[in-house]
Structures are given as structure tokens and as C-alpha cells.
C-alpha atoms as a PDB file:
ATOM      1  CA  MET A   1       0.057  -0.088   0.058  1.00  0.00           C
ATOM      2  CA  LYS A   2       3.021   2.476   0.804  1.00  0.00           C
ATOM      3  CA  LYS A   3       4.258   1.584  -2.592  1.00  0.00           C
ATOM      4  CA  LEU A   4       0.973   2.259  -4.331  1.00  0.00           C
ATOM      5  CA  PHE A   5       0.770   5.718  -2.395  1.00  0.00           C
ATOM      6  CA  THR A   6       4.173   6.659  -3.560  1.00  0.00           C
ATOM      7  CA  ILE A   7       3.405   5.746  -7.265  1.00  0.00           C
ATOM      8  CA  ILE A   8       0.070   7.808  -7.179  1.00  0.00           C
ATOM      9  CA  CYS A   9       1.957  10.647  -5.852  1.00  0.00           C
ATOM     10  CA  LEU A  10       4.580  10.624  -8.605  1.00  0.00           C
ATOM     11  CA  LEU A  11       1.932  10.328 -11.094  1.00  0.00           C
ATOM     12  CA  CYS A  12       0.128  13.254  -9.993  1.00  0.00           C
ATOM     13  CA  MET A  13       3.339  15.480  -9.846  1.00  0.00           C
ATOM     14  CA  VAL A  14       4.217  14.426 -13.380  1.00  0.00           C
ATOM     15  CA  SER A  15       0.559  15.042 -14.479  1.00  0.00           C
ATOM     16  CA  THR A  16       0.770  18.589 -12.802  1.00  0.00           C
ATOM     17  CA  PHE A  17       3.626  19.641 -15.064  1.00  0.00           C
ATOM     18  CA  SER A  18       2.247  18.222 -18.232  1.00  0.00           C
ATOM     19  CA  TYR A  19      -1.488  19.353 -17.882  1.00  0.00           C
ATOM     20  CA  ALA A  20      -1.372  22.487 -15.758  1.00  0.00           C
ATOM     21  CA  GLN A  21      -4.051  23.968 -17.841  1.00  0.00           C
ATOM     22  CA  ASN A  22      -6.503  21.370 -16.563  1.00  0.00           C
ATOM     23  CA  PHE A  23      -5.850  22.059 -12.757  1.00  0.00           C
ATOM     24  CA  ARG A  24      -8.339  23.507 -10.495  1.00  0.00           C
ATOM     25  CA  TYR A  25      -8.155  24.448  -6.928  1.00  0.00           C
ATOM     26  CA  GLY A  26     -10.615  25.442  -4.137  1.00  0.00           C
ATOM     27  CA  PHE A  27     -11.867  24.804  -0.562  1.00  0.00           C
ATOM     28  CA  THR A  28     -13.835  22.061   1.133  1.00  0.00           C
ATOM     29  CA  GLY A  29     -15.514  21.676   4.490  1.00  0.00           C
ATOM     30  CA  GLY A  30     -17.833  19.374   6.098  1.00  0.00           C
ATOM     31  CA  VAL A  31     -18.309  17.076   9.076  1.00  0.00           C
ATOM     32  CA  ASN A  32     -16.850  13.695   9.983  1.00  0.00           C
ATOM     33  CA  LEU A  33     -18.678  10.764  11.865  1.00  0.00           C
ATOM     34  CA  SER A  34     -15.986   8.722  13.216  1.00  0.00           C
ATOM     35  CA  LYS A  35     -16.378   5.206  14.541  1.00  0.00           C
ATOM     36  CA  PRO A  36     -13.004   3.443  14.890  1.00  0.00           C
ATOM     37  CA  MET A  37     -12.269  -0.271  14.379  1.00  0.00           C
ATOM     38  CA  GLY A  38     -10.503  -2.575  16.703  1.00  0.00           C
ATOM     39  CA  ASP A  39     -10.970  -3.830  20.313  1.00  0.00           C
ATOM     40  CA  ILE A  40     -13.660  -1.413  21.401  1.00  0.00           C
ATOM     41  CA  GLU A  41     -17.318  -0.813  20.300  1.00  0.00           C
ATOM     42  CA  PRO A  42     -17.694   3.072  20.555  1.00  0.00           C
ATOM     43  CA  GLN A  43     -20.461   5.430  19.585  1.00  0.00           C
ATOM     44  CA  CYS A  44     -19.967   7.773  16.624  1.00  0.00           C
ATOM     45  CA  GLN A  45     -18.050  10.964  17.318  1.00  0.00           C
ATOM     46  CA  ALA A  46     -18.846  14.054  14.988  1.00  0.00           C
ATOM     47  CA  GLY A  47     -16.105  16.368  13.990  1.00  0.00           C
ATOM     48  CA  LEU A  48     -15.098  19.102  11.498  1.00  0.00           C
ATOM     49  CA  LEU A  49     -13.315  18.655   8.159  1.00  0.00           C
ATOM     50  CA  LEU A  50     -11.658  21.788   6.674  1.00  0.00           C
ATOM     51  CA  GLY A  51      -9.178  22.143   3.921  1.00  0.00           C
ATOM     52  CA  ALA A  52      -7.872  22.948   0.600  1.00  0.00           C
ATOM     53  CA  LYS A  53      -7.854  20.833  -2.510  1.00  0.00           C
ATOM     54  CA  GLY A  54      -6.816  20.495  -6.069  1.00  0.00           C
ATOM     55  CA  GLU A  55      -8.246  18.663  -9.093  1.00  0.00           C
ATOM     56  CA  LEU A  56      -6.133  17.834 -12.061  1.00  0.00           C
ATOM     57  CA  GLY A  57      -7.954  16.640 -15.396  1.00  0.00           C
ATOM     58  CA  ILE A  58      -6.166  14.328 -17.365  1.00  0.00           C
ATOM     59  CA  PRO A  59      -7.971  14.151 -20.827  1.00  0.00           C
ATOM     60  CA  SER A  60      -5.069  12.262 -22.410  1.00  0.00           C
ATOM     61  CA  VAL A  61      -6.073   9.263 -20.732  1.00  0.00           C
ATOM     62  CA  THR A  62      -9.725   9.595 -21.116  1.00  0.00           C
ATOM     63  CA  LYS A  63     -12.209  12.266 -20.824  1.00  0.00           C
ATOM     64  CA  GLY A  64     -13.375  12.675 -17.378  1.00  0.00           C
ATOM     65  CA  PHE A  65     -10.453  11.164 -15.840  1.00  0.00           C
ATOM     66  CA  TYR A  66      -8.708  13.331 -13.213  1.00  0.00           C
ATOM     67  CA  THR A  67      -6.594  13.074  -9.807  1.00  0.00           C
ATOM     68  CA  ASP A  68      -7.840  14.678  -6.661  1.00  0.00           C
ATOM     69  CA  PHE A  69      -5.603  15.761  -3.935  1.00  0.00           C
ATOM     70  CA  GLY A  70      -5.588  18.064  -0.768  1.00  0.00           C
ATOM     71  CA  LEU A  71      -4.626  19.366   2.615  1.00  0.00           C
ATOM     72  CA  GLN A  72      -7.143  18.898   5.298  1.00  0.00           C
ATOM     73  CA  LEU A  73      -7.619  19.253   9.082  1.00  0.00           C
ATOM     74  CA  SER A  74      -9.708  16.305  10.044  1.00  0.00           C
ATOM     75  CA  ALA A  75     -11.207  15.828  13.503  1.00  0.00           C
ATOM     76  CA  LYS A  76     -11.578  12.101  14.387  1.00  0.00           C
ATOM     77  CA  GLY A  77     -12.093  10.056  17.701  1.00  0.00           C
ATOM     78  CA  TYR A  78     -14.914   8.408  19.372  1.00  0.00           C
ATOM     79  CA  LYS A  79     -17.344   8.423  22.425  1.00  0.00           C
ATOM     80  CA  PHE A  80     -17.617   5.580  24.669  1.00  0.00           C
ATOM     81  CA  GLN A  81     -20.338   5.252  27.227  1.00  0.00           C
ATOM     82  CA  TYR A  82     -20.437   2.991  30.304  1.00  0.00           C
ATOM     83  CA  GLY A  83     -22.175   2.781  33.793  1.00  0.00           C
ATOM     84  CA  ASN A  84     -22.074   1.630  37.449  1.00  0.00           C
ATOM     85  CA  MET A  85     -24.528  -0.859  38.394  1.00  0.00           C
ATOM     86  CA  VAL A  86     -24.014  -0.107  42.049  1.00  0.00           C
ATOM     87  CA  ASN A  87     -25.000   3.468  42.280  1.00  0.00           C
ATOM     88  CA  THR A  88     -26.401   3.962  38.498  1.00  0.00           C
ATOM     89  CA  ASP A  89     -23.834   6.486  37.527  1.00  0.00           C
ATOM     90  CA  GLU A  90     -23.807   7.269  33.990  1.00  0.00           C
ATOM     91  CA  ARG A  91     -20.432   7.933  32.609  1.00  0.00           C
ATOM     92  CA  HIS A  92     -18.940   8.487  29.134  1.00  0.00           C
ATOM     93  CA  PHE A  93     -15.477   9.616  27.746  1.00  0.00           C
ATOM     94  CA  THR A  94     -14.570  11.119  24.456  1.00  0.00           C
ATOM     95  CA  GLU A  95     -11.236  10.934  22.535  1.00  0.00           C
ATOM     96  CA  ASN A  96     -10.555  13.518  20.016  1.00  0.00           C
ATOM     97  CA  LEU A  97      -7.567  13.246  17.708  1.00  0.00           C
ATOM     98  CA  ASN A  98      -7.198  16.214  15.070  1.00  0.00           C
ATOM     99  CA  TYR A  99      -5.180  15.034  12.097  1.00  0.00           C
ATOM    100  CA  LEU A 100      -3.544  16.979   9.040  1.00  0.00           C
ATOM    101  CA  VAL A 101      -4.541  14.742   6.247  1.00  0.00           C
ATOM    102  CA  VAL A 102      -3.194  14.639   2.590  1.00  0.00           C
ATOM    103  CA  PRO A 103      -5.492  12.480   0.407  1.00  0.00           C
ATOM    104  CA  VAL A 104      -4.395  11.507  -3.112  1.00  0.00           C
ATOM    105  CA  HIS A 105      -7.039  10.038  -5.193  1.00  0.00           C
ATOM    106  CA  ILE A 106      -7.814   8.960  -8.884  1.00  0.00           C
ATOM    107  CA  GLY A 107     -11.315   9.756 -10.033  1.00  0.00           C
ATOM    108  CA  TYR A 108     -13.826   9.782 -13.038  1.00  0.00           C
ATOM    109  CA  LYS A 109     -16.374  12.524 -13.759  1.00  0.00           C
ATOM    110  CA  ILE A 110     -19.516  12.035 -15.805  1.00  0.00           C
ATOM    111  CA  GLU A 111     -21.261  15.021 -17.365  1.00  0.00           C
ATOM    112  CA  CYS A 112     -25.055  14.537 -17.111  1.00  0.00           C
ATOM    113  CA  SER A 113     -25.874  18.182 -18.406  1.00  0.00           C
ATOM    114  CA  LYS A 114     -24.104  21.478 -19.018  1.00  0.00           C
ATOM    115  CA  SER A 115     -24.498  22.371 -15.248  1.00  0.00           C
ATOM    116  CA  VAL A 116     -24.485  18.797 -13.433  1.00  0.00           C
ATOM    117  CA  SER A 117     -21.778  16.299 -13.200  1.00  0.00           C
ATOM    118  CA  LEU A 118     -21.356  13.083 -11.155  1.00  0.00           C
ATOM    119  CA  PHE A 119     -18.007  11.993  -9.848  1.00  0.00           C
ATOM    120  CA  ALA A 120     -16.207   9.252  -7.894  1.00  0.00           C
ATOM    121  CA  ASN A 121     -12.611   8.861  -6.634  1.00  0.00           C
ATOM    122  CA  VAL A 122     -10.694   6.515  -4.579  1.00  0.00           C
ATOM    123  CA  GLY A 123      -7.001   6.432  -3.275  1.00  0.00           C
ATOM    124  CA  PRO A 124      -4.816   6.465  -0.198  1.00  0.00           C
ATOM    125  CA  TYR A 125      -4.088   9.017   2.425  1.00  0.00           C
ATOM    126  CA  ALA A 126      -1.553   9.940   4.911  1.00  0.00           C
ATOM    127  CA  GLY A 127      -2.137  11.928   8.048  1.00  0.00           C
ATOM    128  CA  VAL A 128      -0.259  13.102  11.213  1.00  0.00           C
ATOM    129  CA  ALA A 129      -2.096  13.844  14.500  1.00  0.00           C
ATOM    130  CA  LEU A 130      -1.281  17.539  15.557  1.00  0.00           C
ATOM    131  CA  TRP A 131      -3.051  17.454  18.833  1.00  0.00           C
ATOM    132  CA  GLY A 132      -5.805  15.533  20.936  1.00  0.00           C
ATOM    133  CA  LYS A 133      -7.535  15.338  24.079  1.00  0.00           C
ATOM    134  CA  HIS A 134      -9.403  12.927  26.247  1.00  0.00           C
ATOM    135  CA  LYS A 135     -12.524  14.074  28.261  1.00  0.00           C
ATOM    136  CA  SER A 136     -14.340  12.104  30.906  1.00  0.00           C
ATOM    137  CA  TYR A 137     -17.997  12.746  32.109  1.00  0.00           C
ATOM    138  CA  ARG A 138     -20.172  11.718  35.069  1.00  0.00           C
ATOM    139  CA  ASN A 139     -23.786  12.250  34.832  1.00  0.00           C
ATOM    140  CA  GLY A 140     -23.387  14.807  32.230  1.00  0.00           C
ATOM    141  CA  LYS A 141     -20.516  16.625  33.993  1.00  0.00           C
ATOM    142  CA  LYS A 142     -16.943  16.730  32.972  1.00  0.00           C
ATOM    143  CA  PHE A 143     -14.651  15.724  35.719  1.00  0.00           C
ATOM    144  CA  HIS A 144     -11.347  14.784  33.923  1.00  0.00           C
ATOM    145  CA  THR A 145      -9.427  16.139  31.008  1.00  0.00           C
ATOM    146  CA  GLU A 146      -6.226  14.847  29.440  1.00  0.00           C
ATOM    147  CA  SER A 147      -4.330  16.779  26.545  1.00  0.00           C
ATOM    148  CA  ASP A 148      -1.200  14.501  26.452  1.00  0.00           C
ATOM    149  CA  ILE A 149      -2.738  11.476  24.698  1.00  0.00           C
ATOM    150  CA  PHE A 150       0.208  10.617  22.505  1.00  0.00           C
ATOM    151  CA  SER A 151       2.907   9.841  24.993  1.00  0.00           C
ATOM    152  CA  GLY A 152       3.324   6.983  27.256  1.00  0.00           C
ATOM    153  CA  GLU A 153       2.947   3.150  26.561  1.00  0.00           C
ATOM    154  CA  TYR A 154      -0.829   3.456  26.028  1.00  0.00           C
ATOM    155  CA  GLY A 155      -0.874   6.582  23.981  1.00  0.00           C
ATOM    156  CA  TYR A 156      -1.602   6.931  20.261  1.00  0.00           C
ATOM    157  CA  LYS A 157       0.744   7.184  17.520  1.00  0.00           C
ATOM    158  CA  ARG A 158       0.885  10.338  15.580  1.00  0.00           C
ATOM    159  CA  PHE A 159       1.224   8.908  12.060  1.00  0.00           C
ATOM    160  CA  ASP A 160      -1.636   7.232  10.322  1.00  0.00           C
ATOM    161  CA  TRP A 161      -2.201   6.058   6.666  1.00  0.00           C
ATOM    162  CA  GLY A 162      -5.110   4.284   4.895  1.00  0.00           C
ATOM    163  CA  CYS A 163      -7.460   4.339   1.903  1.00  0.00           C
ATOM    164  CA  GLY A 164     -10.747   6.207   1.289  1.00  0.00           C
ATOM    165  CA  PHE A 165     -13.281   7.240  -1.309  1.00  0.00           C
ATOM    166  CA  ASN A 166     -15.606   9.999  -2.289  1.00  0.00           C
ATOM    167  CA  VAL A 167     -18.803   9.988  -4.562  1.00  0.00           C
ATOM    168  CA  GLY A 168     -20.949  13.130  -5.318  1.00  0.00           C
ATOM    169  CA  VAL A 169     -22.386  15.722  -7.617  1.00  0.00           C
ATOM    170  CA  GLU A 170     -20.829  18.751  -9.112  1.00  0.00           C
ATOM    171  CA  TYR A 171     -23.058  21.824  -9.995  1.00  0.00           C
ATOM    172  CA  ALA A 172     -22.121  24.715 -12.476  1.00  0.00           C
ATOM    173  CA  LYS A 173     -18.358  23.525 -12.692  1.00  0.00           C
ATOM    174  CA  HIS A 174     -17.861  24.940  -9.245  1.00  0.00           C
ATOM    175  CA  PHE A 175     -19.889  23.600  -6.222  1.00  0.00           C
ATOM    176  CA  GLN A 176     -19.289  19.985  -5.137  1.00  0.00           C
ATOM    177  CA  LEU A 177     -21.630  18.064  -2.554  1.00  0.00           C
ATOM    178  CA  SER A 178     -19.912  14.574  -1.671  1.00  0.00           C
ATOM    179  CA  PHE A 179     -20.257  11.800   0.557  1.00  0.00           C
ATOM    180  CA  GLY A 180     -16.950   9.788   1.610  1.00  0.00           C
ATOM    181  CA  ALA A 181     -15.315   7.166   4.001  1.00  0.00           C
ATOM    182  CA  ASP A 182     -11.708   6.560   5.001  1.00  0.00           C
ATOM    183  CA  TRP A 183     -10.320   3.420   6.514  1.00  0.00           C
ATOM    184  CA  SER A 184      -7.080   3.291   8.275  1.00  0.00           C
ATOM    185  CA  LEU A 185      -4.725   0.508   7.618  1.00  0.00           C
ATOM    186  CA  MET A 186      -2.592   1.020  10.620  1.00  0.00           C
ATOM    187  CA  ASN A 187      -2.983   0.342  14.386  1.00  0.00           C
ATOM    188  CA  VAL A 188      -2.311   3.852  15.791  1.00  0.00           C
ATOM    189  CA  SER A 189      -2.393   2.494  19.366  1.00  0.00           C
ATOM    190  CA  LYS A 190       0.978   2.215  21.100  1.00  0.00           C
ATOM    191  CA  ALA A 191      -0.408  -0.681  23.303  1.00  0.00           C
ATOM    192  CA  ASN A 192       0.798  -4.078  22.076  1.00  0.00           C
ATOM    193  CA  ASP A 193      -2.417  -5.921  23.208  1.00  0.00           C
ATOM    194  CA  TYR A 194      -4.810  -3.088  21.894  1.00  0.00           C
ATOM    195  CA  THR A 195      -5.929  -2.478  18.322  1.00  0.00           C
ATOM    196  CA  TYR A 196      -7.271   0.819  17.333  1.00  0.00           C
ATOM    197  CA  LYS A 197      -7.768   1.940  13.499  1.00  0.00           C
ATOM    198  CA  ASN A 198      -9.344   5.199  12.327  1.00  0.00           C
ATOM    199  CA  ARG A 199     -12.544   5.005  10.383  1.00  0.00           C
ATOM    200  CA  SER A 200     -14.561   7.981   9.483  1.00  0.00           C
ATOM    201  CA  PHE A 201     -17.507   8.892   7.166  1.00  0.00           C
ATOM    202  CA  THR A 202     -17.618  12.368   5.748  1.00  0.00           C
ATOM    203  CA  PHE A 203     -20.276  14.829   4.203  1.00  0.00           C
ATOM    204  CA  SER A 204     -18.820  17.876   2.673  1.00  0.00           C
ATOM    205  CA  LEU A 205     -19.362  20.799   0.414  1.00  0.00           C
ATOM    206  CA  GLY A 206     -16.721  22.150  -1.663  1.00  0.00           C
ATOM    207  CA  TYR A 207     -16.052  25.111  -4.083  1.00  0.00           C
ATOM    208  CA  LEU A 208     -13.659  25.010  -7.111  1.00  0.00           C
ATOM    209  CA  TYR A 209     -12.242  27.947  -8.798  1.00  0.00           C
END
């Protein structure tokens, strides 16, 4: 998978020099619904997705073929609820991990009319966690906060990588509404006996110049 990511990145750079006239750039924003995979069954955690993106058409391959890449700030994590059967305490905690993510996708776009196009893209991503926070609650009240969640034997690794996809609709050659998902292919937990892999579903709105 790492070799595939490197090859796609090189293809994108070569294509950028060769087909600069087909390059567009813009911004995207939306919401993440994160629910990691591994040794825990958590609830979904909502977070923001903000970033810049580029889109490079490659008509020499075929009409509608393009590469899609970006630089995104992506909030991931989860919520876990538990209780105390003795005194009926309701407790939960949240883990928030904020990543700088670079997705590099290959896609195809179909023109349905002069104003509307459908698109889909798929490919790898790489990310690095910039900061994170653990919050514990009892009966709706916060009683503990921990900001250093990346150090120690049971902390999180900062680097993450995986694959993802997006499908959506483009309107008037500028506006893009899309749904996507990312799956981590790396265990980001430092603990040897614990598995934690990021997984998130995204709804976003973008604008391309």
C-alpha cells in the first residue's frame, strides 16, 4: 500500500507539469462521523473537516479522468459510554484526535448536463495527528481532561495512513457536494495488546475555482 501511495503521488506530480491548464483548486468543509475499528465498540463522534483541495484533469487518458488531492484538517475520535450498576452513575468519555491529512485520489467524472456532473474517486491518504484530548464525564458533568494522549505506553501514534473514497455531484463547474469514507490500515495504538484503527464517514461541500 505504501508503494501504491508513492506511485500515485509521482503520477500526480508528473501530470501537474504536463497538464497545468486542466488544474483547478478550491476549498472544502464538512463533518466527520468517526467510529474506529478494533478492540472497542464505541459510539460515533462528530467532528469538523476543513481544507484546501486540487483537481487535475487528465484528458490524454480519457475524458473525465482526473486526480484529486488536498490538505485537510480532520477531527476524528470516538465516544464510549459505560455505567456503574451499584450507584447507577452514567459515565462516558470522548477521545478527540485532530489530524492533518493528505489524500491523493484517482477519479472519474461524468457530465449529465451542462450544469451537473457526477463523480467518484478513490485512493490512499496519509495523516499526522497535531493534537488530541481525552474528556471524562459523570452524569453529564466533565470531571477529567487529559491533553497529552500521544505519550506513554498506552498513548496514540501520531502517524496514520489508509485508503478512502468519495462520491458526489458537481454543479455549475464549481460547487461539489460529496459523501466519503476513510479506513485506516494502521494500528495507531501504542499498546501491544490493543488495536485501534481510524474509520470515518464524511459529508462535505466544496468550491472549485
